[in-house]
Protein backbone atom coordinates (compact mmCIF):
# COMPACT_ATOMS: atom_id res chain seq x y z
CA MET A 1 -67.18 2.20 -58.09
CA GLY A 2 -67.20 1.42 -53.80
CA TYR A 3 -66.00 -1.58 -54.41
CA ASN A 4 -62.44 -0.30 -56.52
CA VAL A 5 -61.89 2.70 -53.50
CA ILE A 6 -62.40 0.05 -51.07
CA SER A 7 -59.72 -1.78 -52.91
CA ILE A 8 -57.24 0.75 -53.53
CA SER A 9 -57.74 2.02 -49.76
CA LEU A 10 -56.77 -1.40 -48.99
CA ALA A 11 -53.85 -1.61 -50.80
CA VAL A 12 -52.42 1.78 -50.11
CA THR A 13 -52.90 0.79 -46.33
CA ALA A 14 -50.91 -2.53 -47.04
CA ILE A 15 -48.33 -0.31 -48.89
CA VAL A 16 -47.87 2.30 -45.92
CA ILE A 17 -48.35 -0.68 -43.58
CA ALA A 18 -44.87 -2.45 -45.34
CA VAL A 19 -42.86 0.94 -45.83
CA VAL A 20 -43.71 2.09 -41.84
CA GLY A 21 -42.54 -2.02 -41.34
CA TRP A 22 -39.68 -1.34 -43.45
CA PHE A 23 -38.46 1.67 -41.90
CA VAL A 24 -38.83 0.38 -38.07
CA THR A 25 -36.56 -2.65 -39.06
CA TYR A 26 -34.07 -0.94 -40.76
CA GLY A 27 -33.93 1.35 -37.77
CA HIS A 28 -33.88 -1.57 -35.45
CA ALA A 29 -30.62 -3.05 -37.80
CA VAL A 30 -29.20 0.33 -37.45
CA LYS A 31 -29.23 0.18 -33.76
CA ALA A 32 -28.13 -3.11 -33.79
CA SER A 33 -25.30 -2.46 -36.14
CA GLN A 34 -24.01 1.10 -33.89
CA ARG A 35 -24.44 -1.26 -31.04
CA ALA A 36 -22.16 -3.86 -32.41
CA TYR A 37 -19.79 -1.49 -33.73
CA ARG A 38 -19.21 0.06 -30.35
CA LEU A 39 -19.18 -3.37 -28.74
CA THR A 40 -16.58 -3.90 -31.14
CA LEU A 41 -14.79 -0.47 -30.42
CA LEU A 42 -15.14 -1.20 -26.65
CA ASN A 43 -13.47 -4.70 -27.17
CA GLU A 44 -10.28 -3.17 -29.03
CA ALA A 45 -10.13 -0.70 -26.79
CA ARG A 46 -9.86 -3.14 -23.83
CA ILE A 47 -7.25 -5.51 -25.46
CA ALA A 48 -5.13 -2.27 -26.00
CA ILE A 49 -5.46 -0.98 -22.90
CA ASN A 50 -5.01 -4.09 -21.72
CA GLU A 51 -1.70 -4.54 -23.05
CA SER A 52 -0.41 -1.70 -22.68
CA THR A 53 -1.14 -1.65 -18.75
CA GLN A 54 0.52 -5.33 -18.42
CA ALA A 55 3.78 -3.65 -20.42
CA CYS A 56 3.78 -0.86 -17.55
CA ILE A 57 3.23 -3.20 -15.02
CA ASP A 58 5.97 -5.61 -15.80
CA TRP A 59 8.37 -2.49 -16.03
CA LEU A 60 7.69 -1.14 -13.02
CA SER A 61 8.03 -4.47 -11.30
CA ASP A 62 11.19 -4.25 -13.27
CA LEU A 63 12.03 -0.98 -11.55
CA LYS A 64 10.85 -2.35 -8.20
CA ALA A 65 13.38 -5.36 -8.72
CA ARG A 66 16.04 -3.17 -9.84
CA LEU A 67 16.33 -1.24 -7.04
CA GLY A 68 16.27 -3.83 -4.64
CA GLY A 69 19.52 -5.08 -6.69
CA LEU A 70 21.05 -1.86 -5.98
CA SER A 71 19.87 -1.88 -2.45
CA LEU A 72 21.76 -5.31 -2.01
CA SER A 73 25.36 -4.29 -3.51
CA ILE A 74 25.28 -0.93 -2.09
CA HIS A 75 26.29 -2.62 1.44
CA SER A 76 27.49 -5.97 0.09
CA ILE A 77 31.13 -7.16 0.85
CA ASN A 78 30.79 -9.61 -1.86
CA PRO A 79 33.22 -8.51 -4.74
CA ALA A 80 30.52 -9.86 -7.23
CA LEU A 81 27.75 -7.78 -6.55
CA ILE A 82 30.30 -4.79 -5.54
CA ASN A 83 31.53 -5.41 -9.53
CA MET A 84 27.90 -5.73 -10.86
CA ARG A 85 27.11 -2.00 -9.31
CA GLU A 86 28.12 0.01 -12.08
CA LYS A 87 26.22 -2.07 -14.39
CA GLN A 88 23.54 -2.21 -12.38
CA ILE A 89 23.46 1.50 -12.21
CA SER A 90 23.63 1.92 -15.99
CA GLU A 91 20.83 -0.39 -16.74
CA LEU A 92 18.70 1.43 -14.17
CA ALA A 93 19.20 4.65 -16.78
CA GLU A 94 17.75 2.56 -19.61
CA ALA A 95 15.22 1.39 -17.72
CA LEU A 96 13.92 4.60 -16.65
CA CYS A 97 14.16 5.54 -20.79
CA ALA A 98 11.32 2.89 -21.57
CA ASP A 99 8.65 3.47 -23.69
CA GLU A 100 6.39 1.14 -21.69
CA SER A 101 6.61 3.40 -19.27
CA ILE A 102 3.81 6.11 -20.85
CA ARG A 103 2.35 4.28 -23.41
CA TRP A 104 0.28 3.12 -21.65
CA LEU A 105 -1.16 6.55 -20.48
CA ARG A 106 -0.76 7.55 -24.49
CA ILE A 107 -3.65 4.38 -25.15
CA LEU A 108 -5.89 5.90 -22.54
CA GLU A 109 -5.82 8.86 -24.03
CA GLU A 110 -6.23 7.34 -27.49
CA TYR A 111 -9.74 5.92 -26.39
CA GLU A 112 -10.56 8.87 -24.01
CA VAL A 113 -14.04 8.99 -25.86
CA LEU A 114 -14.91 5.53 -25.24
CA LEU A 115 -14.01 6.17 -21.72
CA PRO A 116 -14.07 9.91 -20.96
CA LYS A 117 -14.32 9.32 -17.18
CA THR A 118 -10.73 8.52 -17.54
CA ARG A 119 -9.87 11.45 -18.81
CA ASP A 120 -8.92 13.32 -15.11
CA VAL A 121 -7.63 10.58 -13.10
CA ARG A 122 -5.19 10.00 -16.40
CA ILE A 123 -3.77 13.12 -15.79
CA GLN A 124 -3.39 12.35 -12.26
CA LEU A 125 -1.80 9.16 -13.02
CA LEU A 126 0.97 11.00 -15.40
CA GLN A 127 1.58 12.98 -11.98
CA GLU A 128 1.76 9.61 -9.70
CA GLN A 129 4.23 8.05 -12.83
CA ARG A 130 6.16 11.43 -12.47
CA VAL A 131 7.17 10.97 -9.17
CA VAL A 132 8.12 7.54 -9.76
CA ILE A 133 10.49 8.64 -12.29
CA ALA A 134 11.66 11.24 -10.54
CA ARG A 135 12.70 9.82 -7.17
CA VAL A 136 14.38 6.64 -9.41
CA SER A 137 15.97 9.54 -11.21
CA ALA A 138 17.46 11.29 -8.11
CA ILE A 139 18.48 8.04 -6.92
CA HIS A 140 20.44 7.11 -10.05
CA ARG A 141 22.28 10.66 -10.06
CA LYS A 142 23.74 10.12 -6.62
CA LEU A 143 24.89 6.58 -7.27
CA SER A 144 26.22 7.65 -10.66
CA GLN A 145 27.90 10.60 -9.19
CA GLU A 146 29.11 9.09 -5.54
CA GLU A 147 27.12 11.42 -3.54
CA ASP A 148 25.48 9.38 -1.06
CA ASP A 149 24.31 11.21 2.02
CA GLY A 150 23.46 8.69 4.20
CA THR A 151 19.87 8.47 2.87
CA LEU A 152 20.52 6.15 -0.10
CA ASP A 153 18.46 3.14 2.02
CA GLN A 154 15.34 5.62 2.70
CA ASP A 155 15.25 7.02 -0.83
CA ILE A 156 15.02 3.40 -2.72
CA ALA A 157 12.30 2.32 0.60
CA THR A 158 10.50 5.65 -0.62
CA ALA A 159 10.75 4.62 -4.18
CA SER A 160 9.95 1.15 -4.07
CA ALA A 161 6.90 2.05 -2.08
CA LYS A 162 5.50 5.03 -4.52
CA ILE A 163 6.10 2.15 -7.12
CA LEU A 164 3.47 -0.33 -5.32
CA ASP A 165 1.16 2.76 -4.86
CA LEU A 166 1.10 3.16 -9.15
CA LEU A 167 1.24 -0.59 -9.73
CA GLY A 168 -2.19 -0.61 -7.30
CA LEU A 169 -3.17 2.13 -9.71
CA ILE A 170 -2.63 0.82 -12.62
CA TRP A 171 -4.70 -2.85 -11.48
CA ASP A 172 -7.32 -0.22 -10.93
CA ILE A 173 -7.83 1.15 -13.86
CA ARG A 174 -7.54 -2.41 -15.29
CA ILE A 175 -10.54 -3.36 -13.36
CA TYR A 176 -12.45 -0.03 -14.40
CA VAL A 177 -12.04 -0.23 -17.85
CA GLN A 178 -13.15 -4.56 -18.01
CA ASN A 179 -15.90 -3.63 -15.68
CA THR A 180 -17.13 -1.09 -18.62
CA CYS A 181 -16.44 -2.75 -21.27
CA LEU A 182 -17.51 -6.50 -20.40
CA GLY A 183 -19.57 -5.63 -17.33
CA ASP A 184 -23.15 -5.08 -19.23
CA ILE A 185 -22.34 -7.91 -21.87
CA VAL A 186 -21.69 -10.89 -19.22
CA ASP A 187 -23.66 -9.31 -16.52
CA SER A 188 -20.91 -9.60 -13.82
CA ARG A 189 -18.30 -7.06 -12.52
CA VAL A 190 -14.84 -7.61 -11.26
CA PRO A 191 -14.62 -6.74 -7.55
CA LYS A 192 -12.28 -3.51 -7.09
CA ARG A 193 -9.25 -3.14 -5.03
CA MET A 194 -10.23 -1.87 -1.31
CA PRO A 195 -6.55 -1.75 0.12
CA ARG A 196 -6.87 -1.80 4.00
CA ALA A 197 -4.43 1.08 5.04
CA GLN A 198 -6.43 4.58 4.50
CA ASN A 199 -3.48 6.09 2.97
CA VAL A 200 -2.87 3.93 0.01
CA PRO A 201 -3.93 5.25 -2.95
CA VAL A 202 -6.62 4.46 -4.74
CA LEU A 203 -9.10 5.08 -7.91
CA TYR A 204 -12.69 4.53 -7.55
CA GLU A 205 -16.12 6.12 -8.93
CA ASP A 206 -17.70 9.42 -6.48
CA LYS A 207 -21.76 9.42 -5.93
CA GLN A 208 -22.02 11.30 -8.91
CA GLY A 209 -20.02 8.23 -11.25
CA ALA A 210 -16.67 10.27 -11.72
CA LEU A 211 -14.28 8.39 -11.73
CA ARG A 212 -11.22 9.66 -8.78
CA LEU A 213 -8.04 9.34 -7.38
CA SER A 214 -8.80 9.37 -3.27
CA CYS A 215 -4.75 10.08 -3.01
CA THR A 216 -2.06 11.87 -4.63
CA SER A 217 1.84 12.18 -4.41
CA SER A 218 1.59 16.17 -4.64
CA THR A 219 -0.17 16.09 -1.21
CA GLU A 220 2.11 13.48 -0.14
CA CYS A 221 -2.18 11.30 0.23
CA GLY A 222 -3.87 13.71 0.21
CA PRO A 223 -7.90 13.09 1.24
CA THR A 224 -9.01 9.64 1.84
CA LEU A 225 -11.34 6.94 0.29
CA PRO A 226 -14.54 8.25 1.94
CA LYS A 227 -16.18 5.10 3.76
CA ASP A 228 -19.68 5.95 2.04
CA GLU A 229 -18.29 5.83 -1.44
CA SER A 230 -16.18 2.52 -0.96
CA GLN A 231 -18.63 0.30 -1.47
């Protein structure tokens, strides 16, 4: 009788251990599966953001090149360049309406749940982009209505500078996304952009880990990047 009780106890213990082991193994498998799925989503987000930001970079570069072309034709006495001016003005208007100008911000919004730190700066970047579009639109309006008040050169220079600022900020977003999505996996980080000029806008993480924009167009370059947070 005692032998049977011991045998039953051992059998029950073995069953309990097996069941517990199965649950532990299953729990680890679920966590591994969830982690793999999250990594897949992060990689999809990285690819989508990289593609959309590259399209915006190409769009901004094209916009800046068009401004440069207009700057040349405005002061040129070359008949060929003068004849091209109307076409350049028309193409500038078309370029301003390109979908690439806003798609990257929509993609950032779609993946906000995976990259929540981008929410506040996304809104600020939208404002930065609106400043660029507004300045280029003002130049187009002056040219199309032939309202040159003597400030076109300065307007084009200022708009070009704003485009360069926005290009830099988009590169910052790309670096942040790449480090966030791949940094822990490959145990490596892309160095952050560190402009030499203090009034150049840049994205950075503050001491609390929040993503910040150091300088905005709305304040004509507000607070500069704190030195202790730039490292």
